[in-house]
Amino acid sequence: MKILVFGATGSQQFNVIGEAKKKGAEVIAATSSENSFEKLANAGATPVLANLSDADKISEITNGVDAIAFMIPVSLPNPFDGLQYSKNVIDAAKANGVKKIVWNTSGWLEAQKVGSPVDDVKLDVQEYLKNSGVDYVIIEPTIYMENMMGPFCAPFISNEKKLAYPTPEAMPIGWIASKDVSAFVVEAIYNEDLQADNFKISGLENLKGNELASGFSNGIGEEIVYYPLKPQEFGDILKPMVGEAGANSVAAYYENLQNSTEYPSKFNSNMSEILEKLPVEMTSLSQWANENKDYFIK
């Protein structure tokens, strides 16, 4: 099995390499920067230089590939580029006889367009993929545990013993580890019965803020309390990374969320059914925190 992975330089797709190697796969990892070659090679992949905007190059590296693990790049300057990039990959897969595309959507897809370019583009990609004629599986993860490693959270844990996140304490979330999502992606590639499937996946624990902090505390062996980060404070931390407009948009979303009494679902209570089709050993929040203790506690 030869698998081509997109997005493997980032935390969301990096573990696809290791999970695929466990199955004996040959892994090719596409990257737009030669600076990532060493990291990808050390993980066991063959790195190839390719930009998603270059349809000819994408077709070239897809030749001879059995399956593709795909993800739209995060934080594109123009989110609408994500549709053309996806089309380039899907078209190349079809032209080269790729057996299956497994797409990690980096979040649950909306039921309909909501006016957010990042979210709306994914619905266009989903439609294009479904009509492509290529076998596919769409993996929709909830919120990554790795988000807690971000600059809006980790420094609060390290310096103030607070687990800071911009969601209300009362809002439950089924946090999921990126390595588990990667395992789902690889299992989906290898399950030949899955040819046109969507899976909304989450962790097995649906944790409110204080429960999240308690689980984290158990993992690292230190008392951590939950701190619902103020949306504007969150936006200010994000500005250097996503720009003022992007930060303001995100802050506005969390402002509405914190003023709400009904919260969007971020947990799948039917994970047992999914795990029957895609057997993955799930990581608890405490286990994840323990594995990453040295990142937070210096």
Protein backbone atom coordinates (compact mmCIF):
# COMPACT_ATOMS: atom_id res chain seq x y z
CA MET A 1 0.00 0.00 0.00
CA LYS A 2 1.41 3.36 -1.05
CA ILE A 3 -0.17 6.30 0.78
CA LEU A 4 0.27 9.98 -0.08
CA VAL A 5 -0.22 12.29 2.91
CA PHE A 6 -0.97 16.01 2.75
CA GLY A 7 -0.51 18.21 5.82
CA ALA A 8 1.94 15.86 7.53
CA THR A 9 4.20 18.69 8.70
CA GLY A 10 1.44 19.81 11.09
CA SER A 11 0.13 18.11 14.22
CA GLN A 12 -3.20 17.13 12.65
CA GLN A 13 -1.73 14.81 10.00
CA PHE A 14 1.83 14.09 11.19
CA ASN A 15 0.84 10.92 13.03
CA VAL A 16 -0.70 9.47 9.86
CA ILE A 17 2.88 8.60 8.87
CA GLY A 18 3.53 6.46 11.95
CA GLU A 19 0.09 4.85 11.93
CA ALA A 20 0.45 3.92 8.25
CA LYS A 21 3.97 2.56 8.80
CA LYS A 22 2.57 0.26 11.52
CA LYS A 23 0.42 -1.30 8.78
CA GLY A 24 3.45 -1.76 6.56
CA ALA A 25 2.56 1.05 4.17
CA GLU A 26 4.97 3.04 2.04
CA VAL A 27 4.31 6.67 2.91
CA ILE A 28 4.92 9.71 0.72
CA ALA A 29 4.48 13.08 2.43
CA ALA A 30 3.87 16.20 0.36
CA THR A 31 5.19 19.51 1.62
CA SER A 32 5.60 22.98 0.16
CA SER A 33 8.91 23.52 1.98
CA GLU A 34 12.18 21.60 1.81
CA ASN A 35 12.73 22.69 5.42
CA SER A 36 10.28 19.95 6.42
CA PHE A 37 12.11 17.15 4.62
CA GLU A 38 14.19 16.04 7.62
CA LYS A 39 11.20 15.91 9.98
CA LEU A 40 9.14 13.87 7.51
CA ALA A 41 12.01 11.52 6.64
CA ASN A 42 12.79 10.89 10.31
CA ALA A 43 9.15 9.91 10.80
CA GLY A 44 9.50 7.29 8.07
CA ALA A 45 8.03 9.07 5.05
CA THR A 46 9.50 9.91 1.67
CA PRO A 47 9.13 13.70 1.40
CA VAL A 48 8.15 15.28 -1.93
CA LEU A 49 8.06 18.97 -2.76
CA ALA A 50 4.68 20.03 -4.08
CA ASN A 51 2.39 23.03 -3.82
CA LEU A 52 -1.34 22.36 -3.80
CA SER A 53 -1.85 25.19 -6.28
CA ASP A 54 0.22 23.34 -8.90
CA ALA A 55 -2.20 20.86 -10.48
CA ASP A 56 0.44 19.31 -12.75
CA LYS A 57 2.80 18.63 -9.84
CA ILE A 58 -0.03 17.19 -7.74
CA SER A 59 -0.91 14.84 -10.59
CA GLU A 60 2.75 13.84 -10.93
CA ILE A 61 3.19 12.88 -7.26
CA THR A 62 -0.16 11.06 -7.24
CA ASN A 63 0.91 8.65 -9.97
CA GLY A 64 1.22 5.11 -8.56
CA VAL A 65 -0.42 5.98 -5.24
CA ASP A 66 -3.06 3.66 -3.72
CA ALA A 67 -4.65 6.06 -1.24
CA ILE A 68 -4.50 9.71 -0.20
CA ALA A 69 -4.78 11.14 3.32
CA PHE A 70 -5.90 14.70 2.63
CA MET A 71 -6.41 17.87 4.63
CA ILE A 72 -7.01 21.45 3.50
CA PRO A 73 -4.16 23.62 4.82
CA VAL A 74 -5.06 25.54 7.96
CA SER A 75 -5.11 29.36 7.95
CA LEU A 76 -4.98 29.94 4.19
CA PRO A 77 -4.68 33.69 3.44
CA ASN A 78 -7.65 33.18 1.12
CA PRO A 79 -9.85 30.36 2.45
CA PHE A 80 -11.56 30.04 -0.93
CA ASP A 81 -8.28 28.70 -2.35
CA GLY A 82 -9.03 25.57 -0.37
CA LEU A 83 -11.64 24.51 -2.93
CA GLN A 84 -9.27 24.69 -5.90
CA TYR A 85 -6.49 22.96 -3.95
CA SER A 86 -8.91 20.16 -3.08
CA LYS A 87 -10.08 19.88 -6.68
CA ASN A 88 -6.46 19.52 -7.79
CA VAL A 89 -5.98 16.57 -5.43
CA ILE A 90 -9.32 14.93 -6.23
CA ASP A 91 -8.84 15.34 -9.99
CA ALA A 92 -5.32 13.89 -9.75
CA ALA A 93 -6.62 10.96 -7.73
CA LYS A 94 -9.27 10.21 -10.33
CA ALA A 95 -6.88 10.54 -13.28
CA ASN A 96 -4.29 8.28 -11.64
CA GLY A 97 -6.65 5.57 -10.43
CA VAL A 98 -6.18 6.22 -6.71
CA LYS A 99 -8.41 3.77 -4.84
CA LYS A 100 -9.48 6.01 -1.96
CA ILE A 101 -9.25 9.51 -0.49
CA VAL A 102 -9.61 9.94 3.27
CA TRP A 103 -10.21 13.58 4.15
CA ASN A 104 -9.61 14.96 7.66
CA THR A 105 -11.89 18.01 7.78
CA SER A 106 -10.23 19.56 10.88
CA GLY A 107 -13.63 19.92 12.54
CA TRP A 108 -17.26 18.90 12.22
CA LEU A 109 -18.82 20.06 8.96
CA GLU A 110 -21.76 22.45 9.12
CA ALA A 111 -25.16 21.21 7.90
CA GLN A 112 -25.37 24.22 5.58
CA LYS A 113 -23.36 27.31 4.69
CA VAL A 114 -23.06 29.74 7.59
CA GLY A 115 -21.23 32.67 6.00
CA SER A 116 -17.78 31.63 7.25
CA PRO A 117 -15.45 31.07 4.26
CA VAL A 118 -13.37 28.43 6.07
CA ASP A 119 -16.48 26.38 6.93
CA ASP A 120 -18.44 27.03 3.74
CA VAL A 121 -15.59 25.98 1.44
CA LYS A 122 -15.52 22.57 3.13
CA LEU A 123 -19.12 21.95 2.06
CA ASP A 124 -18.14 22.70 -1.55
CA VAL A 125 -15.20 20.29 -1.23
CA GLN A 126 -17.49 17.63 0.23
CA GLU A 127 -19.87 17.97 -2.72
CA TYR A 128 -17.03 17.77 -5.24
CA LEU A 129 -15.52 14.72 -3.54
CA LYS A 130 -18.86 12.89 -3.35
CA ASN A 131 -19.44 13.44 -7.08
CA SER A 132 -15.87 12.60 -8.14
CA GLY A 133 -16.31 8.87 -8.60
CA VAL A 134 -13.36 8.20 -6.28
CA ASP A 135 -14.02 6.11 -3.15
CA TYR A 136 -13.82 8.34 -0.09
CA VAL A 137 -14.13 8.50 3.68
CA ILE A 138 -14.61 11.82 5.45
CA ILE A 139 -13.28 11.99 9.02
CA GLU A 140 -14.72 14.93 10.99
CA PRO A 141 -12.93 15.40 14.34
CA THR A 142 -14.14 17.59 17.19
CA ILE A 143 -11.68 19.80 19.05
CA TYR A 144 -8.08 18.64 19.29
CA MET A 145 -6.39 18.19 22.65
CA GLU A 146 -3.35 19.70 20.91
CA ASN A 147 -5.18 23.05 20.91
CA MET A 148 -4.15 23.25 24.56
CA MET A 149 -0.56 23.53 23.35
CA GLY A 150 -1.42 26.83 21.67
CA PRO A 151 -0.17 30.23 22.89
CA PHE A 152 -3.65 31.05 24.21
CA CYS A 153 -3.58 28.08 26.60
CA ALA A 154 -0.16 26.56 27.36
CA PRO A 155 1.43 29.66 29.00
CA PHE A 156 -1.51 29.94 31.41
CA ILE A 157 -1.00 26.32 32.45
CA SER A 158 2.76 26.75 32.86
CA ASN A 159 2.73 30.13 34.59
CA GLU A 160 -0.62 30.42 36.39
CA LYS A 161 -1.82 26.81 36.75
CA LYS A 162 -4.94 27.74 34.77
CA LEU A 163 -6.35 25.82 31.82
CA ALA A 164 -7.44 28.73 29.65
CA TYR A 165 -9.90 28.23 26.79
CA PRO A 166 -12.51 30.58 25.32
CA THR A 167 -15.46 28.23 25.79
CA PRO A 168 -17.89 28.60 28.73
CA GLU A 169 -17.27 26.33 31.71
CA ALA A 170 -20.73 24.80 31.23
CA MET A 171 -20.09 23.77 27.61
CA PRO A 172 -19.11 20.09 27.31
CA ILE A 173 -16.57 19.02 24.66
CA GLY A 174 -15.44 15.60 23.52
CA TRP A 175 -11.76 16.49 23.13
CA ILE A 176 -9.78 14.17 20.84
CA ALA A 177 -6.04 13.50 20.47
CA SER A 178 -4.55 14.10 17.03
CA LYS A 179 -2.84 10.69 17.08
CA ASP A 180 -6.29 9.09 17.49
CA VAL A 181 -7.62 11.03 14.50
CA SER A 182 -4.62 9.85 12.45
CA ALA A 183 -5.38 6.28 13.49
CA PHE A 184 -8.97 6.71 12.29
CA VAL A 185 -7.67 8.04 8.96
CA VAL A 186 -5.42 5.02 8.44
CA GLU A 187 -8.08 2.51 9.53
CA ALA A 188 -10.46 4.14 7.02
CA ILE A 189 -7.88 3.73 4.26
CA TYR A 190 -7.51 0.01 4.98
CA ASN A 191 -11.22 -0.80 5.47
CA GLU A 192 -12.31 -1.82 1.97
CA ASP A 193 -15.99 -1.82 2.96
CA LEU A 194 -15.91 1.97 3.40
CA GLN A 195 -16.32 3.63 0.01
CA ALA A 196 -18.58 6.65 0.57
CA ASP A 197 -18.71 7.35 4.30
CA ASN A 198 -18.72 10.25 6.77
CA PHE A 199 -17.77 9.85 10.43
CA LYS A 200 -18.16 12.56 13.06
CA ILE A 201 -15.65 11.53 15.69
CA SER A 202 -14.91 12.76 19.20
CA GLY A 203 -13.14 11.61 22.31
CA LEU A 204 -15.01 9.27 24.66
CA GLU A 205 -15.28 11.85 27.48
CA ASN A 206 -17.72 14.79 27.23
CA LEU A 207 -16.02 17.25 29.57
CA LYS A 208 -17.19 20.61 30.90
CA GLY A 209 -14.51 23.13 31.83
CA ASN A 210 -13.97 22.07 35.43
CA GLU A 211 -13.99 18.39 34.43
CA LEU A 212 -11.41 19.16 31.75
CA ALA A 213 -9.17 20.86 34.32
CA SER A 214 -9.63 17.96 36.74
CA GLY A 215 -8.65 15.39 34.11
CA PHE A 216 -5.67 17.50 33.11
CA SER A 217 -4.63 17.82 36.76
CA ASN A 218 -4.75 14.05 37.18
CA GLY A 219 -2.55 13.64 34.13
CA ILE A 220 0.22 16.02 35.12
CA GLY A 221 0.01 15.53 38.87
CA GLU A 222 -0.56 19.21 39.66
CA GLU A 223 -3.71 21.16 40.49
CA ILE A 224 -4.98 23.09 37.47
CA VAL A 225 -8.20 25.14 37.44
CA TYR A 226 -10.37 26.03 34.46
CA TYR A 227 -10.25 29.63 33.23
CA PRO A 228 -12.83 30.64 30.59
CA LEU A 229 -10.62 32.93 28.54
CA LYS A 230 -12.26 36.24 27.67
CA PRO A 231 -12.95 36.36 23.90
CA GLN A 232 -11.12 39.67 23.46
CA GLU A 233 -8.11 38.35 25.36
CA PHE A 234 -8.17 35.28 23.10
CA GLY A 235 -8.40 37.50 20.01
CA ASP A 236 -5.46 39.63 21.12
CA ILE A 237 -3.27 36.53 21.50
CA LEU A 238 -4.31 35.33 18.03
CA LYS A 239 -3.69 38.62 16.18
CA PRO A 240 0.02 38.02 15.40
CA MET A 241 -0.89 34.65 13.87
CA VAL A 242 -4.11 35.29 11.95
CA GLY A 243 -4.22 39.09 11.58
CA GLU A 244 -6.61 41.60 13.12
CA ALA A 245 -9.64 40.75 10.96
CA GLY A 246 -9.29 37.03 11.57
CA ALA A 247 -8.75 37.50 15.30
CA ASN A 248 -11.78 39.79 15.59
CA SER A 249 -13.94 37.26 13.76
CA VAL A 250 -12.88 34.44 16.08
CA ALA A 251 -13.34 36.64 19.15
CA ALA A 252 -16.87 37.55 18.01
CA TYR A 253 -17.74 33.86 17.63
CA TYR A 254 -16.62 33.07 21.17
CA GLU A 255 -18.34 36.20 22.51
CA ASN A 256 -21.64 34.88 21.16
CA LEU A 257 -20.86 31.44 22.56
CA GLN A 258 -20.15 32.78 26.04
CA ASN A 259 -23.40 34.78 25.99
CA SER A 260 -25.41 31.75 24.91
CA THR A 261 -27.30 29.27 27.05
CA GLU A 262 -27.39 26.56 24.36
CA TYR A 263 -24.13 25.18 23.05
CA PRO A 264 -23.25 23.38 19.82
CA SER A 265 -22.66 19.65 20.19
CA LYS A 266 -18.98 18.67 20.30
CA PHE A 267 -19.45 15.03 21.30
CA ASN A 268 -20.56 11.87 19.50
CA SER A 269 -22.36 9.54 21.90
CA ASN A 270 -22.31 6.78 19.26
CA MET A 271 -18.55 6.36 19.10
CA SER A 272 -18.87 2.66 19.95
CA GLU A 273 -20.54 2.08 16.56
CA ILE A 274 -17.74 3.90 14.75
CA LEU A 275 -15.08 2.00 16.70
CA GLU A 276 -16.57 -1.28 15.46
CA LYS A 277 -15.81 -0.20 11.89
CA LEU A 278 -12.62 1.70 12.70
CA PRO A 279 -10.92 0.02 15.69
CA VAL A 280 -8.80 2.68 17.40
CA GLU A 281 -7.41 2.64 20.94
CA MET A 282 -8.67 5.96 22.24
CA THR A 283 -6.62 8.36 24.38
CA SER A 284 -8.19 9.85 27.50
CA LEU A 285 -7.58 13.48 28.44
CA SER A 286 -5.59 12.46 31.54
CA GLN A 287 -3.47 10.08 29.49
CA TRP A 288 -2.78 12.76 26.88
CA ALA A 289 -1.86 15.32 29.55
CA ASN A 290 0.50 12.84 31.18
CA GLU A 291 2.20 12.06 27.85
CA ASN A 292 2.74 15.79 27.25
CA LYS A 293 3.48 16.85 30.84
CA ASP A 294 6.96 18.15 30.03
CA TYR A 295 5.53 20.55 27.44
CA PHE A 296 3.44 22.32 30.07
CA ILE A 297 5.44 21.93 33.28
CA LYS A 298 8.97 23.23 32.81
